[in-house]
Amino acid sequence: MPDNPINMDQSTLKEVYLKWDGTHIGHLKTLYQESIDDASFIPHTIALLTAGKGVEVPGSWVVKHHVEQGNLLNTTQVDQLVRCLGALHYWQAQLHLLQIIPMISLTEEQAEHLEPVVRNHLSSDRAFVKASAFAAYFEIVKFFPGLKNEFRLLSEDSLEKVSASVKVKIRRILNQLDGDKNK
């Protein structure tokens, strides 16, 4: 990491992400803590998500961590994330962005753009990606009531074919869908 991570330009930040060892999150937490006061840190990180495969996983983790810390993303940043989800190569990066979707405010236009991308992840071979895709798709379905019944049927059908961890997530979603039905 550079001696002074504050005010890193985008190319320097990319180099820092590329040096990440792929396993130790402590490095990314330190980078986040030392750089978060720089107003360009999160926008640069989001912009870098599509700048190369080596940046996807650490960059998406940092953005997810930022949101989990209670920070908001502006509409432009959400637009950028929405556009890049379908272009990500690594399942870990896809997972991070899918996990963010229930924590951010989407517009109807963003949800419409995400719908086919997230739908594809509903059949992922990776249990965590699949579980997160169901949670993300539930957020999208809120904008399009016509998709609710189809999503309910898909969720019910999937219960027989998924791992226990995914079943738990799907059952919670079905309970929420049923709760919406009773309103």
N, C-alpha and C. Protein backbone atom coordinates (compact mmCIF):
# COMPACT_ATOMS: atom_id res chain seq x y z
N MET A 1 0.84 -1.17 0.00
CA MET A 1 0.00 0.00 0.00
C MET A 1 0.89 1.24 0.00
N PRO A 2 0.50 2.31 -0.73
CA PRO A 2 1.30 3.52 -0.74
C PRO A 2 1.41 4.11 0.66
N ASP A 3 2.47 4.92 0.87
CA ASP A 3 2.67 5.54 2.18
C ASP A 3 1.48 6.41 2.57
N ASN A 4 0.90 7.09 1.60
CA ASN A 4 -0.23 7.97 1.86
C ASN A 4 -1.39 7.60 0.94
N PRO A 5 -2.27 6.69 1.40
CA PRO A 5 -3.35 6.25 0.53
C PRO A 5 -4.38 7.34 0.23
N ILE A 6 -4.45 8.37 1.10
CA ILE A 6 -5.41 9.43 0.87
C ILE A 6 -5.07 10.12 -0.46
N ASN A 7 -6.10 10.43 -1.24
CA ASN A 7 -5.96 11.12 -2.52
C ASN A 7 -5.19 10.30 -3.56
N MET A 8 -5.37 9.00 -3.53
CA MET A 8 -4.78 8.15 -4.57
C MET A 8 -5.50 8.39 -5.88
N ASP A 9 -4.75 8.46 -6.95
CA ASP A 9 -5.43 8.55 -8.23
C ASP A 9 -5.90 7.14 -8.62
N GLN A 10 -6.70 7.06 -9.66
CA GLN A 10 -7.32 5.79 -10.04
C GLN A 10 -6.28 4.74 -10.43
N SER A 11 -5.24 5.12 -11.13
CA SER A 11 -4.24 4.13 -11.55
C SER A 11 -3.45 3.59 -10.35
N THR A 12 -3.18 4.44 -9.36
CA THR A 12 -2.48 3.98 -8.15
C THR A 12 -3.38 3.03 -7.37
N LEU A 13 -4.67 3.38 -7.28
CA LEU A 13 -5.62 2.52 -6.58
C LEU A 13 -5.72 1.17 -7.28
N LYS A 14 -5.72 1.18 -8.59
CA LYS A 14 -5.76 -0.08 -9.35
C LYS A 14 -4.55 -0.94 -9.00
N GLU A 15 -3.38 -0.34 -8.94
CA GLU A 15 -2.17 -1.08 -8.58
C GLU A 15 -2.29 -1.71 -7.19
N VAL A 16 -2.86 -0.96 -6.26
CA VAL A 16 -3.05 -1.48 -4.90
C VAL A 16 -3.98 -2.69 -4.93
N TYR A 17 -5.08 -2.59 -5.65
CA TYR A 17 -5.99 -3.73 -5.76
C TYR A 17 -5.33 -4.93 -6.43
N LEU A 18 -4.54 -4.68 -7.44
CA LEU A 18 -3.87 -5.78 -8.15
C LEU A 18 -2.84 -6.49 -7.28
N LYS A 19 -2.35 -5.82 -6.26
CA LYS A 19 -1.36 -6.43 -5.35
C LYS A 19 -2.01 -7.26 -4.25
N TRP A 20 -3.34 -7.19 -4.14
CA TRP A 20 -4.02 -7.96 -3.10
C TRP A 20 -3.76 -9.44 -3.33
N ASP A 21 -3.52 -10.19 -2.25
CA ASP A 21 -3.15 -11.61 -2.36
C ASP A 21 -4.33 -12.54 -2.62
N GLY A 22 -5.52 -12.03 -2.62
CA GLY A 22 -6.68 -12.86 -2.93
C GLY A 22 -7.30 -13.57 -1.74
N THR A 23 -6.70 -13.43 -0.58
CA THR A 23 -7.27 -14.12 0.59
C THR A 23 -7.40 -13.24 1.83
N HIS A 24 -6.46 -12.42 2.10
CA HIS A 24 -6.44 -11.68 3.37
C HIS A 24 -7.22 -10.37 3.28
N ILE A 25 -8.39 -10.38 3.89
CA ILE A 25 -9.29 -9.24 3.85
C ILE A 25 -8.73 -8.08 4.68
N GLY A 26 -7.86 -8.38 5.64
CA GLY A 26 -7.26 -7.33 6.47
C GLY A 26 -6.63 -6.22 5.64
N HIS A 27 -5.98 -6.60 4.56
CA HIS A 27 -5.37 -5.62 3.66
C HIS A 27 -6.43 -4.68 3.09
N LEU A 28 -7.57 -5.23 2.69
CA LEU A 28 -8.64 -4.42 2.12
C LEU A 28 -9.31 -3.55 3.18
N LYS A 29 -9.46 -4.08 4.38
CA LYS A 29 -10.03 -3.28 5.48
C LYS A 29 -9.13 -2.10 5.80
N THR A 30 -7.83 -2.33 5.85
CA THR A 30 -6.88 -1.25 6.13
C THR A 30 -6.93 -0.21 5.02
N LEU A 31 -6.94 -0.65 3.78
CA LEU A 31 -7.04 0.27 2.66
C LEU A 31 -8.31 1.11 2.79
N TYR A 32 -9.41 0.46 3.11
CA TYR A 32 -10.69 1.16 3.26
C TYR A 32 -10.61 2.21 4.37
N GLN A 33 -10.13 1.79 5.53
CA GLN A 33 -10.06 2.70 6.68
C GLN A 33 -9.14 3.89 6.40
N GLU A 34 -8.07 3.66 5.70
CA GLU A 34 -7.11 4.73 5.43
C GLU A 34 -7.53 5.61 4.26
N SER A 35 -8.47 5.15 3.45
CA SER A 35 -8.82 5.89 2.23
C SER A 35 -10.23 6.45 2.22
N ILE A 36 -11.06 6.07 3.15
CA ILE A 36 -12.48 6.43 3.08
C ILE A 36 -12.71 7.93 3.17
N ASP A 37 -11.80 8.68 3.77
CA ASP A 37 -11.97 10.13 3.85
C ASP A 37 -11.70 10.83 2.52
N ASP A 38 -11.14 10.11 1.58
CA ASP A 38 -10.91 10.65 0.24
C ASP A 38 -12.22 10.48 -0.55
N ALA A 39 -12.81 11.60 -0.94
CA ALA A 39 -14.11 11.56 -1.63
C ALA A 39 -14.05 10.79 -2.95
N SER A 40 -12.88 10.61 -3.52
CA SER A 40 -12.78 9.91 -4.80
C SER A 40 -12.57 8.40 -4.64
N PHE A 41 -12.35 7.94 -3.41
CA PHE A 41 -12.01 6.52 -3.18
C PHE A 41 -13.10 5.57 -3.69
N ILE A 42 -14.34 5.73 -3.25
CA ILE A 42 -15.41 4.83 -3.66
C ILE A 42 -15.75 5.03 -5.15
N PRO A 43 -15.87 6.26 -5.65
CA PRO A 43 -16.10 6.41 -7.09
C PRO A 43 -15.00 5.77 -7.94
N HIS A 44 -13.74 5.94 -7.55
CA HIS A 44 -12.64 5.30 -8.29
C HIS A 44 -12.76 3.78 -8.22
N THR A 45 -13.08 3.27 -7.04
CA THR A 45 -13.21 1.82 -6.87
C THR A 45 -14.32 1.27 -7.76
N ILE A 46 -15.45 1.94 -7.78
CA ILE A 46 -16.56 1.48 -8.62
C ILE A 46 -16.16 1.53 -10.10
N ALA A 47 -15.50 2.61 -10.49
CA ALA A 47 -15.07 2.74 -11.89
C ALA A 47 -14.09 1.64 -12.28
N LEU A 48 -13.30 1.19 -11.32
CA LEU A 48 -12.29 0.16 -11.61
C LEU A 48 -12.85 -1.26 -11.71
N LEU A 49 -14.09 -1.46 -11.29
CA LEU A 49 -14.65 -2.82 -11.29
C LEU A 49 -14.62 -3.47 -12.67
N THR A 50 -14.69 -2.67 -13.70
CA THR A 50 -14.66 -3.23 -15.05
C THR A 50 -13.32 -2.97 -15.74
N ALA A 51 -12.32 -2.59 -14.96
CA ALA A 51 -11.01 -2.25 -15.53
C ALA A 51 -10.07 -3.44 -15.64
N GLY A 52 -10.54 -4.58 -15.27
CA GLY A 52 -9.70 -5.77 -15.36
C GLY A 52 -10.08 -6.78 -14.31
N LYS A 53 -9.87 -8.03 -14.63
CA LYS A 53 -10.28 -9.11 -13.74
C LYS A 53 -9.65 -9.03 -12.35
N GLY A 54 -8.42 -8.58 -12.27
CA GLY A 54 -7.72 -8.54 -10.99
C GLY A 54 -8.26 -7.54 -10.00
N VAL A 55 -9.11 -6.64 -10.46
CA VAL A 55 -9.66 -5.60 -9.60
C VAL A 55 -11.08 -5.96 -9.13
N GLU A 56 -11.74 -6.84 -9.85
CA GLU A 56 -13.14 -7.17 -9.56
C GLU A 56 -13.39 -7.59 -8.13
N VAL A 57 -12.67 -8.57 -7.66
CA VAL A 57 -12.97 -9.14 -6.34
C VAL A 57 -12.61 -8.17 -5.21
N PRO A 58 -11.39 -7.63 -5.17
CA PRO A 58 -11.11 -6.71 -4.07
C PRO A 58 -11.94 -5.43 -4.16
N GLY A 59 -12.16 -4.92 -5.36
CA GLY A 59 -12.96 -3.71 -5.50
C GLY A 59 -14.40 -3.91 -5.09
N SER A 60 -14.99 -5.02 -5.51
CA SER A 60 -16.39 -5.29 -5.15
C SER A 60 -16.52 -5.55 -3.66
N TRP A 61 -15.50 -6.17 -3.06
CA TRP A 61 -15.53 -6.38 -1.60
C TRP A 61 -15.52 -5.03 -0.88
N VAL A 62 -14.69 -4.11 -1.34
CA VAL A 62 -14.60 -2.79 -0.70
C VAL A 62 -15.93 -2.05 -0.83
N VAL A 63 -16.56 -2.11 -1.98
CA VAL A 63 -17.85 -1.44 -2.15
C VAL A 63 -18.89 -2.08 -1.23
N LYS A 64 -18.91 -3.40 -1.16
CA LYS A 64 -19.85 -4.10 -0.26
C LYS A 64 -19.59 -3.69 1.19
N HIS A 65 -18.32 -3.66 1.57
CA HIS A 65 -17.95 -3.27 2.94
C HIS A 65 -18.43 -1.84 3.22
N HIS A 66 -18.27 -0.97 2.26
CA HIS A 66 -18.69 0.43 2.39
C HIS A 66 -20.20 0.50 2.68
N VAL A 67 -20.98 -0.24 1.93
CA VAL A 67 -22.43 -0.26 2.11
C VAL A 67 -22.78 -0.90 3.45
N GLU A 68 -22.10 -1.98 3.80
CA GLU A 68 -22.37 -2.64 5.09
C GLU A 68 -22.05 -1.75 6.28
N GLN A 69 -21.17 -0.79 6.10
CA GLN A 69 -20.84 0.15 7.16
C GLN A 69 -21.92 1.23 7.32
N GLY A 70 -22.97 1.13 6.52
CA GLY A 70 -24.08 2.07 6.62
C GLY A 70 -23.97 3.26 5.69
N ASN A 71 -23.02 3.24 4.80
CA ASN A 71 -22.85 4.33 3.85
C ASN A 71 -23.76 4.14 2.65
N LEU A 72 -24.18 5.25 2.10
CA LEU A 72 -25.07 5.21 0.95
C LEU A 72 -24.28 5.39 -0.34
N LEU A 73 -24.82 4.86 -1.40
CA LEU A 73 -24.28 5.10 -2.73
C LEU A 73 -25.24 6.04 -3.44
N ASN A 74 -24.70 6.98 -4.20
CA ASN A 74 -25.59 7.88 -4.92
C ASN A 74 -26.12 7.19 -6.17
N THR A 75 -27.05 7.83 -6.83
CA THR A 75 -27.71 7.22 -7.99
C THR A 75 -26.72 6.87 -9.09
N THR A 76 -25.75 7.74 -9.32
CA THR A 76 -24.74 7.48 -10.36
C THR A 76 -23.93 6.23 -10.00
N GLN A 77 -23.55 6.10 -8.75
CA GLN A 77 -22.78 4.93 -8.32
C GLN A 77 -23.60 3.65 -8.45
N VAL A 78 -24.86 3.71 -8.07
CA VAL A 78 -25.74 2.54 -8.21
C VAL A 78 -25.89 2.20 -9.70
N ASP A 79 -26.05 3.22 -10.55
CA ASP A 79 -26.13 2.97 -12.00
C ASP A 79 -24.89 2.23 -12.49
N GLN A 80 -23.72 2.66 -12.03
CA GLN A 80 -22.48 2.01 -12.46
C GLN A 80 -22.44 0.55 -12.00
N LEU A 81 -22.85 0.29 -10.78
CA LEU A 81 -22.87 -1.09 -10.27
C LEU A 81 -23.85 -1.95 -11.07
N VAL A 82 -25.03 -1.38 -11.34
CA VAL A 82 -26.05 -2.09 -12.10
C VAL A 82 -25.51 -2.48 -13.48
N ARG A 83 -24.82 -1.56 -14.10
CA ARG A 83 -24.29 -1.82 -15.45
C ARG A 83 -23.14 -2.83 -15.45
N CYS A 84 -22.37 -2.87 -14.38
CA CYS A 84 -21.19 -3.74 -14.42
C CYS A 84 -21.47 -5.16 -13.93
N LEU A 85 -22.57 -5.41 -13.24
CA LEU A 85 -22.82 -6.75 -12.69
C LEU A 85 -22.74 -7.82 -13.77
N GLY A 86 -23.35 -7.59 -14.89
CA GLY A 86 -23.36 -8.59 -15.96
C GLY A 86 -22.01 -8.80 -16.63
N ALA A 87 -21.09 -7.86 -16.42
CA ALA A 87 -19.78 -7.94 -17.08
C ALA A 87 -18.70 -8.55 -16.18
N LEU A 88 -19.03 -8.83 -14.94
CA LEU A 88 -18.02 -9.36 -14.02
C LEU A 88 -17.69 -10.81 -14.35
N HIS A 89 -16.43 -11.17 -14.19
CA HIS A 89 -15.96 -12.51 -14.54
C HIS A 89 -15.92 -13.47 -13.35
N TYR A 90 -15.64 -12.95 -12.17
CA TYR A 90 -15.42 -13.81 -11.01
C TYR A 90 -16.69 -13.93 -10.16
N TRP A 91 -16.97 -15.15 -9.74
CA TRP A 91 -18.18 -15.38 -8.96
C TRP A 91 -18.15 -14.60 -7.65
N GLN A 92 -16.98 -14.39 -7.07
CA GLN A 92 -16.89 -13.66 -5.80
C GLN A 92 -17.34 -12.21 -6.00
N ALA A 93 -16.94 -11.59 -7.10
CA ALA A 93 -17.35 -10.22 -7.38
C ALA A 93 -18.85 -10.16 -7.66
N GLN A 94 -19.36 -11.14 -8.39
CA GLN A 94 -20.80 -11.21 -8.64
C GLN A 94 -21.54 -11.34 -7.32
N LEU A 95 -21.04 -12.19 -6.45
CA LEU A 95 -21.65 -12.37 -5.13
C LEU A 95 -21.69 -11.05 -4.37
N HIS A 96 -20.59 -10.34 -4.32
CA HIS A 96 -20.54 -9.08 -3.57
C HIS A 96 -21.60 -8.10 -4.07
N LEU A 97 -21.72 -7.97 -5.39
CA LEU A 97 -22.70 -7.02 -5.91
C LEU A 97 -24.13 -7.51 -5.70
N LEU A 98 -24.35 -8.81 -5.82
CA LEU A 98 -25.69 -9.34 -5.52
C LEU A 98 -26.05 -9.10 -4.06
N GLN A 99 -25.08 -9.23 -3.16
CA GLN A 99 -25.33 -9.00 -1.73
C GLN A 99 -25.65 -7.54 -1.43
N ILE A 100 -25.17 -6.64 -2.24
CA ILE A 100 -25.41 -5.22 -2.04
C ILE A 100 -26.84 -4.82 -2.40
N ILE A 101 -27.41 -5.47 -3.39
CA ILE A 101 -28.70 -5.05 -3.95
C ILE A 101 -29.79 -4.87 -2.89
N PRO A 102 -29.98 -5.78 -1.94
CA PRO A 102 -31.01 -5.54 -0.94
C PRO A 102 -30.70 -4.38 0.02
N MET A 103 -29.47 -3.89 0.01
CA MET A 103 -29.07 -2.82 0.93
C MET A 103 -29.08 -1.44 0.30
N ILE A 104 -29.36 -1.35 -0.99
CA ILE A 104 -29.32 -0.05 -1.67
C ILE A 104 -30.70 0.29 -2.23
N SER A 105 -30.88 1.55 -2.54
CA SER A 105 -32.14 1.99 -3.15
C SER A 105 -31.99 1.92 -4.66
N LEU A 106 -32.89 1.17 -5.25
CA LEU A 106 -32.91 1.04 -6.71
C LEU A 106 -34.04 1.89 -7.28
N THR A 107 -33.84 2.36 -8.49
CA THR A 107 -34.94 2.97 -9.22
C THR A 107 -35.59 1.88 -10.06
N GLU A 108 -36.75 2.17 -10.59
CA GLU A 108 -37.42 1.18 -11.44
C GLU A 108 -36.58 0.88 -12.68
N GLU A 109 -35.95 1.90 -13.23
CA GLU A 109 -35.10 1.71 -14.42
C GLU A 109 -33.91 0.80 -14.09
N GLN A 110 -33.30 1.00 -12.93
CA GLN A 110 -32.18 0.15 -12.52
C GLN A 110 -32.65 -1.29 -12.31
N ALA A 111 -33.80 -1.45 -11.67
CA ALA A 111 -34.35 -2.79 -11.45
C ALA A 111 -34.64 -3.48 -12.78
N GLU A 112 -35.14 -2.73 -13.74
CA GLU A 112 -35.44 -3.29 -15.05
C GLU A 112 -34.16 -3.76 -15.74
N HIS A 113 -33.09 -2.98 -15.61
CA HIS A 113 -31.81 -3.36 -16.20
C HIS A 113 -31.23 -4.61 -15.51
N LEU A 114 -31.40 -4.68 -14.20
CA LEU A 114 -30.86 -5.80 -13.43
C LEU A 114 -31.61 -7.11 -13.62
N GLU A 115 -32.89 -7.03 -13.92
CA GLU A 115 -33.75 -8.21 -13.93
C GLU A 115 -33.16 -9.38 -14.71
N PRO A 116 -32.80 -9.24 -15.98
CA PRO A 116 -32.28 -10.42 -16.69
C PRO A 116 -30.92 -10.89 -16.16
N VAL A 117 -30.12 -9.97 -15.68
CA VAL A 117 -28.79 -10.33 -15.17
C VAL A 117 -28.94 -11.15 -13.88
N VAL A 118 -29.75 -10.65 -12.97
CA VAL A 118 -29.94 -11.35 -11.70
C VAL A 118 -30.68 -12.67 -11.94
N ARG A 119 -31.63 -12.67 -12.85
CA ARG A 119 -32.36 -13.91 -13.17
C ARG A 119 -31.39 -15.01 -13.58
N ASN A 120 -30.38 -14.67 -14.36
CA ASN A 120 -29.37 -15.66 -14.75
C ASN A 120 -28.65 -16.26 -13.55
N HIS A 121 -28.43 -15.44 -12.53
CA HIS A 121 -27.73 -15.92 -11.34
C HIS A 121 -28.60 -16.83 -10.46
N LEU A 122 -29.90 -16.84 -10.70
CA LEU A 122 -30.79 -17.73 -9.94
C LEU A 122 -30.45 -19.20 -10.19
N SER A 123 -29.79 -19.48 -11.28
CA SER A 123 -29.42 -20.86 -11.59
C SER A 123 -27.91 -21.10 -11.45
N SER A 124 -27.24 -20.25 -10.71
CA SER A 124 -25.79 -20.39 -10.49
C SER A 124 -25.46 -21.73 -9.82
N ASP A 125 -24.30 -22.26 -10.15
CA ASP A 125 -23.82 -23.47 -9.49
C ASP A 125 -23.25 -23.17 -8.10
N ARG A 126 -22.99 -21.93 -7.81
CA ARG A 126 -22.44 -21.50 -6.53
C ARG A 126 -23.58 -21.19 -5.57
N ALA A 127 -23.64 -21.92 -4.46
CA ALA A 127 -24.76 -21.78 -3.52
C ALA A 127 -24.91 -20.35 -3.00
N PHE A 128 -23.81 -19.71 -2.62
CA PHE A 128 -23.92 -18.35 -2.08
C PHE A 128 -24.38 -17.36 -3.15
N VAL A 129 -23.91 -17.54 -4.36
CA VAL A 129 -24.34 -16.66 -5.46
C VAL A 129 -25.84 -16.87 -5.70
N LYS A 130 -26.26 -18.12 -5.73
CA LYS A 130 -27.67 -18.43 -5.94
C LYS A 130 -28.54 -17.83 -4.84
N ALA A 131 -28.13 -18.02 -3.59
CA ALA A 131 -28.91 -17.49 -2.46
C ALA A 131 -28.99 -15.96 -2.55
N SER A 132 -27.89 -15.32 -2.86
CA SER A 132 -27.87 -13.86 -2.96
C SER A 132 -28.68 -13.39 -4.16
N ALA A 133 -28.68 -14.17 -5.22
CA ALA A 133 -29.48 -13.82 -6.39
C ALA A 133 -30.97 -13.86 -6.07
N PHE A 134 -31.40 -14.83 -5.28
CA PHE A 134 -32.81 -14.87 -4.88
C PHE A 134 -33.18 -13.64 -4.07
N ALA A 135 -32.31 -13.25 -3.14
CA ALA A 135 -32.58 -12.05 -2.34
C ALA A 135 -32.60 -10.80 -3.22
N ALA A 136 -31.68 -10.71 -4.16
CA ALA A 136 -31.62 -9.55 -5.06
C ALA A 136 -32.85 -9.53 -5.98
N TYR A 137 -33.23 -10.70 -6.48
CA TYR A 137 -34.38 -10.76 -7.39
C TYR A 137 -35.67 -10.37 -6.66
N PHE A 138 -35.75 -10.71 -5.39
CA PHE A 138 -36.91 -10.31 -4.60
C PHE A 138 -37.03 -8.79 -4.59
N GLU A 139 -35.90 -8.08 -4.49
CA GLU A 139 -35.92 -6.61 -4.52
C GLU A 139 -36.40 -6.10 -5.87
N ILE A 140 -36.02 -6.77 -6.93
CA ILE A 140 -36.42 -6.37 -8.28
C ILE A 140 -37.91 -6.61 -8.48
N VAL A 141 -38.40 -7.74 -7.99
CA VAL A 141 -39.81 -8.10 -8.15
C VAL A 141 -40.73 -7.07 -7.48
N LYS A 142 -40.24 -6.38 -6.47
CA LYS A 142 -41.04 -5.36 -5.81
C LYS A 142 -41.47 -4.26 -6.79
N PHE A 143 -40.68 -4.04 -7.82
CA PHE A 143 -41.00 -3.02 -8.82
C PHE A 143 -41.96 -3.52 -9.88
N PHE A 144 -42.04 -4.84 -10.03
CA PHE A 144 -42.82 -5.41 -11.13
C PHE A 144 -43.74 -6.50 -10.59
N PRO A 145 -44.90 -6.10 -10.09
CA PRO A 145 -45.83 -7.06 -9.48
C PRO A 145 -46.17 -8.24 -10.40
N GLY A 146 -46.09 -8.04 -11.71
CA GLY A 146 -46.38 -9.12 -12.64
C GLY A 146 -45.39 -10.27 -12.56
N LEU A 147 -44.22 -10.01 -12.00
CA LEU A 147 -43.20 -11.07 -11.86
C LEU A 147 -43.35 -11.87 -10.55
N LYS A 148 -44.18 -11.36 -9.63
CA LYS A 148 -44.26 -12.00 -8.30
C LYS A 148 -44.69 -13.46 -8.37
N ASN A 149 -45.75 -13.75 -9.10
CA ASN A 149 -46.25 -15.12 -9.14
C ASN A 149 -45.22 -16.05 -9.79
N GLU A 150 -44.62 -15.61 -10.88
CA GLU A 150 -43.59 -16.41 -11.54
C GLU A 150 -42.40 -16.65 -10.61
N PHE A 151 -42.02 -15.60 -9.88
CA PHE A 151 -40.90 -15.72 -8.93
C PHE A 151 -41.26 -16.67 -7.79
N ARG A 152 -42.49 -16.59 -7.31
CA ARG A 152 -42.94 -17.50 -6.25
C ARG A 152 -42.86 -18.95 -6.73
N LEU A 153 -43.35 -19.21 -7.95
CA LEU A 153 -43.31 -20.57 -8.50
C LEU A 153 -41.86 -21.05 -8.68
N LEU A 154 -41.02 -20.18 -9.19
CA LEU A 154 -39.61 -20.50 -9.37
C LEU A 154 -38.95 -20.80 -8.03
N SER A 155 -39.28 -20.00 -7.03
CA SER A 155 -38.72 -20.20 -5.69
C SER A 155 -39.19 -21.53 -5.09
N GLU A 156 -40.48 -21.80 -5.21
CA GLU A 156 -41.02 -23.05 -4.68
C GLU A 156 -40.39 -24.26 -5.38
N ASP A 157 -40.26 -24.17 -6.69
CA ASP A 157 -39.65 -25.25 -7.47
C ASP A 157 -38.19 -25.46 -7.07
N SER A 158 -37.49 -24.38 -6.79
CA SER A 158 -36.07 -24.45 -6.45
C SER A 158 -35.82 -25.08 -5.09
N LEU A 159 -36.80 -25.04 -4.20
CA LEU A 159 -36.62 -25.59 -2.85
C LEU A 159 -36.19 -27.05 -2.88
N GLU A 160 -36.63 -27.78 -3.88
CA GLU A 160 -36.32 -29.20 -3.96
C GLU A 160 -34.92 -29.47 -4.52
N LYS A 161 -34.30 -28.45 -5.10
CA LYS A 161 -33.06 -28.67 -5.84
C LYS A 161 -31.83 -27.97 -5.26
N VAL A 162 -31.99 -27.27 -4.15
CA VAL A 162 -30.89 -26.43 -3.66
C VAL A 162 -30.38 -26.91 -2.31
N SER A 163 -29.22 -26.39 -1.95
CA SER A 163 -28.61 -26.74 -0.66
C SER A 163 -29.41 -26.13 0.49
N ALA A 164 -29.13 -26.59 1.70
CA ALA A 164 -29.85 -26.12 2.88
C ALA A 164 -29.71 -24.62 3.07
N SER A 165 -28.52 -24.07 2.83
CA SER A 165 -28.33 -22.63 3.03
C SER A 165 -29.18 -21.80 2.07
N VAL A 166 -29.33 -22.29 0.86
CA VAL A 166 -30.15 -21.58 -0.13
C VAL A 166 -31.63 -21.75 0.22
N LYS A 167 -32.01 -22.92 0.70
CA LYS A 167 -33.40 -23.16 1.10
C LYS A 167 -33.85 -22.17 2.16
N VAL A 168 -32.97 -21.90 3.13
CA VAL A 168 -33.31 -20.95 4.19
C VAL A 168 -33.63 -19.59 3.60
N LYS A 169 -32.79 -19.12 2.69
CA LYS A 169 -32.98 -17.82 2.06
C LYS A 169 -34.28 -17.81 1.25
N ILE A 170 -34.53 -18.88 0.50
CA ILE A 170 -35.73 -18.94 -0.33
C ILE A 170 -36.99 -18.98 0.54
N ARG A 171 -36.94 -19.72 1.63
CA ARG A 171 -38.12 -19.78 2.53
C ARG A 171 -38.43 -18.40 3.11
N ARG A 172 -37.38 -17.65 3.48
CA ARG A 172 -37.60 -16.29 3.99
C ARG A 172 -38.26 -15.42 2.92
N ILE A 173 -37.79 -15.56 1.70
CA ILE A 173 -38.35 -14.77 0.61
C ILE A 173 -39.80 -15.17 0.36
N LEU A 174 -40.09 -16.46 0.37
CA LEU A 174 -41.47 -16.92 0.19
C LEU A 174 -42.38 -16.38 1.30
N ASN A 175 -41.87 -16.35 2.53
CA ASN A 175 -42.65 -15.79 3.63
C ASN A 175 -42.93 -14.30 3.39
N GLN A 176 -41.94 -13.58 2.88
CA GLN A 176 -42.14 -12.16 2.58
C GLN A 176 -43.12 -11.98 1.43
N LEU A 177 -43.02 -12.83 0.41
CA LEU A 177 -43.96 -12.76 -0.70
C LEU A 177 -45.38 -13.04 -0.21
N ASP A 178 -45.51 -14.03 0.67
CA ASP A 178 -46.82 -14.34 1.23
C ASP A 178 -47.34 -13.19 2.09
N GLY A 179 -46.43 -12.53 2.81
CA GLY A 179 -46.82 -11.37 3.60
C GLY A 179 -47.32 -10.24 2.72
N ASP A 180 -46.67 -10.03 1.58
CA ASP A 180 -47.11 -9.01 0.63
C ASP A 180 -48.49 -9.36 0.05
N LYS A 181 -48.73 -10.65 -0.14
CA LYS A 181 -49.99 -11.11 -0.71
C LYS A 181 -51.16 -10.82 0.24
N ASN A 182 -50.86 -10.85 1.55
CA ASN A 182 -51.91 -10.66 2.55
C ASN A 182 -52.19 -9.19 2.84
N LYS A 183 -51.45 -8.29 2.23
CA LYS A 183 -51.66 -6.86 2.48
C LYS A 183 -52.79 -6.31 1.63
